[in-house]
Each structure stands twice: as C-alpha cells, then as structure tokens.
C-alpha cells in the first residue's frame, strides 16, 4: 500500500489568531479548512486515492496495491497527486501573515488498516 499524508503547518497558531481577530473566528476557520481540504480531497480522488481520515489540520490517504506490478503505478499516482496538491495556491488569510504551507509525506510498504 501507498500511504499519503498532508499537514497544514502552523495552522494551530493561525486558528488562535483568527479567533482573536474576528468575532466569527470559528466560522472563518471552518470555511478555511473546508475549502482547503475540499480541493485536496478532489485531487486525491482524481488520482485514484482514497481518503482514510482527518486529524485536525491533516489528511491521510492511501493507494492500495492489488498486485505486485501495480506498485510503481500506485507510487507514481500518489507522487503526482502530492506534487499537484503542493502547487495549490493556499489561501492568504491576512495580508500581514504568510500564506498557509502544506507538508506532504508518502510511504510505501506492507500495512494493515484497522480501526480501534
């Protein structure tokens, strides 16, 4: 399986800033996450990946490898997806603050998916 992980860096501090600056801070944070992750989810799906879940400001996805020769294709698709997502223009929330940054990691190997 190929595992793909993306995390919005410095999002916790940004959330604090938004809630301090704006009365509707929680709504602004929700819209920001929904818009950003909506685009990421669409991209993952377009490249054949499956979103496994979210943890705060990060998303976990996988590309399952059903036969040995499909391994290279799965890695290629996950990599291309990562490159496209990395090139997304993430929203600039405030002019006096740098835009959000996204960190992406990809791993490959045998694994077990389970919910505990």
Protein backbone atom coordinates (compact mmCIF):
# COMPACT_ATOMS: atom_id res chain seq x y z
CA UNK A 1 0.00 0.00 0.00
CA UNK A 2 1.00 3.60 -0.54
CA UNK A 3 0.24 5.94 2.34
CA UNK A 4 -0.04 9.68 1.72
CA UNK A 5 -0.14 12.28 4.48
CA UNK A 6 -0.58 16.05 4.22
CA UNK A 7 -0.46 18.54 7.08
CA UNK A 8 -1.15 22.28 7.13
CA UNK A 9 1.79 23.71 9.00
CA UNK A 10 1.30 26.37 11.66
CA UNK A 11 -2.47 26.02 11.48
CA UNK A 12 -2.98 25.89 15.25
CA UNK A 13 -1.36 29.30 15.68
CA UNK A 14 -3.38 30.68 12.75
CA UNK A 15 -6.58 29.37 14.34
CA UNK A 16 -5.70 31.22 17.54
CA UNK A 17 -5.02 34.43 15.58
CA UNK A 18 -8.30 34.19 13.68
CA UNK A 19 -10.34 33.65 16.82
CA UNK A 20 -8.60 36.62 18.47
CA UNK A 21 -9.04 38.99 15.50
CA UNK A 22 -12.54 38.13 14.37
CA UNK A 23 -15.85 37.76 16.07
CA UNK A 24 -16.82 34.98 13.66
CA UNK A 25 -13.45 33.26 14.10
CA UNK A 26 -14.73 29.66 14.35
CA UNK A 27 -16.76 30.10 11.16
CA UNK A 28 -13.75 31.54 9.34
CA UNK A 29 -11.61 28.59 10.44
CA UNK A 30 -14.30 26.12 9.33
CA UNK A 31 -14.60 27.75 5.89
CA UNK A 32 -10.82 27.79 5.52
CA UNK A 33 -10.48 24.09 6.37
CA UNK A 34 -13.46 23.04 4.27
CA UNK A 35 -12.23 24.93 1.22
CA UNK A 36 -8.65 23.74 1.52
CA UNK A 37 -9.44 20.11 2.27
CA UNK A 38 -12.25 20.03 -0.30
CA UNK A 39 -9.71 20.78 -3.02
CA UNK A 40 -7.22 18.28 -1.61
CA UNK A 41 -9.86 15.53 -1.42
CA UNK A 42 -10.90 16.16 -5.03
CA UNK A 43 -7.27 15.89 -6.13
CA UNK A 44 -6.69 12.66 -4.20
CA UNK A 45 -9.81 11.13 -5.76
CA UNK A 46 -8.82 12.24 -9.24
CA UNK A 47 -5.51 10.37 -8.86
CA UNK A 48 -7.24 7.20 -7.64
CA UNK A 49 -6.51 7.57 -3.93
CA UNK A 50 -8.88 7.03 -1.05
CA UNK A 51 -9.08 9.36 1.94
CA UNK A 52 -8.80 7.38 5.18
CA UNK A 53 -9.40 10.20 7.61
CA UNK A 54 -8.51 13.52 9.12
CA UNK A 55 -6.71 14.54 12.26
CA UNK A 56 -7.21 18.23 12.92
CA UNK A 57 -5.38 20.01 10.10
CA UNK A 58 -4.06 16.90 8.33
CA UNK A 59 -5.40 14.29 5.92
CA UNK A 60 -4.40 10.65 5.46
CA UNK A 61 -4.99 8.83 2.16
CA UNK A 62 -3.96 5.55 0.56
CA UNK A 63 -3.50 3.91 -2.80
CA UNK A 64 -3.99 0.16 -2.42
CA UNK A 65 -1.76 -2.15 -4.43
CA UNK A 66 -3.74 -5.15 -5.54
CA UNK A 67 -0.99 -6.90 -7.50
CA UNK A 68 2.81 -6.61 -7.41
CA UNK A 69 3.17 -4.94 -10.80
CA UNK A 70 0.73 -2.19 -9.76
CA UNK A 71 3.19 -0.92 -7.14
CA UNK A 72 5.00 1.52 -9.44
CA UNK A 73 1.71 2.89 -10.74
CA UNK A 74 0.37 3.48 -7.22
CA UNK A 75 3.55 5.28 -6.15
CA UNK A 76 3.51 7.36 -9.33
CA UNK A 77 -0.12 8.38 -8.84
CA UNK A 78 0.45 9.30 -5.18
CA UNK A 79 3.56 11.28 -6.12
CA UNK A 80 1.79 13.17 -8.89
CA UNK A 81 -1.08 13.88 -6.53
CA UNK A 82 1.38 15.19 -3.94
CA UNK A 83 3.04 17.46 -6.47
CA UNK A 84 -0.28 18.87 -7.65
CA UNK A 85 -1.52 19.43 -4.11
CA UNK A 86 1.79 21.04 -3.15
CA UNK A 87 1.36 23.51 -6.02
CA UNK A 88 -2.12 24.56 -4.87
CA UNK A 89 -2.44 28.21 -4.02
CA UNK A 90 -3.40 28.06 -0.38
CA UNK A 91 -5.43 30.94 0.98
CA UNK A 92 -3.80 34.02 2.43
CA UNK A 93 -5.84 34.77 5.49
CA UNK A 94 -4.26 38.08 6.48
CA UNK A 95 -2.03 40.42 4.49
CA UNK A 96 0.42 40.69 7.39
CA UNK A 97 0.90 36.93 7.59
CA UNK A 98 2.45 34.43 5.18
CA UNK A 99 0.06 32.04 3.39
CA UNK A 100 -0.54 28.57 4.73
CA UNK A 101 2.05 25.91 3.94
CA UNK A 102 1.39 22.25 3.29
CA UNK A 103 3.76 19.41 4.19
CA UNK A 104 3.30 16.11 2.35
CA UNK A 105 4.80 12.69 3.02
CA UNK A 106 4.48 9.47 1.04
CA UNK A 107 5.35 5.97 2.23
CA UNK A 108 5.13 2.53 0.63
CA UNK A 109 5.14 -0.97 2.07
CA UNK A 110 3.00 -3.61 3.63
CA UNK A 111 0.48 -2.44 6.11
CA UNK A 112 -2.67 -3.26 7.96
CA UNK A 113 -5.62 -0.90 8.04
CA UNK A 114 -7.74 -1.19 11.14
CA UNK A 115 -9.99 0.91 13.27
CA UNK A 116 -9.53 0.55 17.00
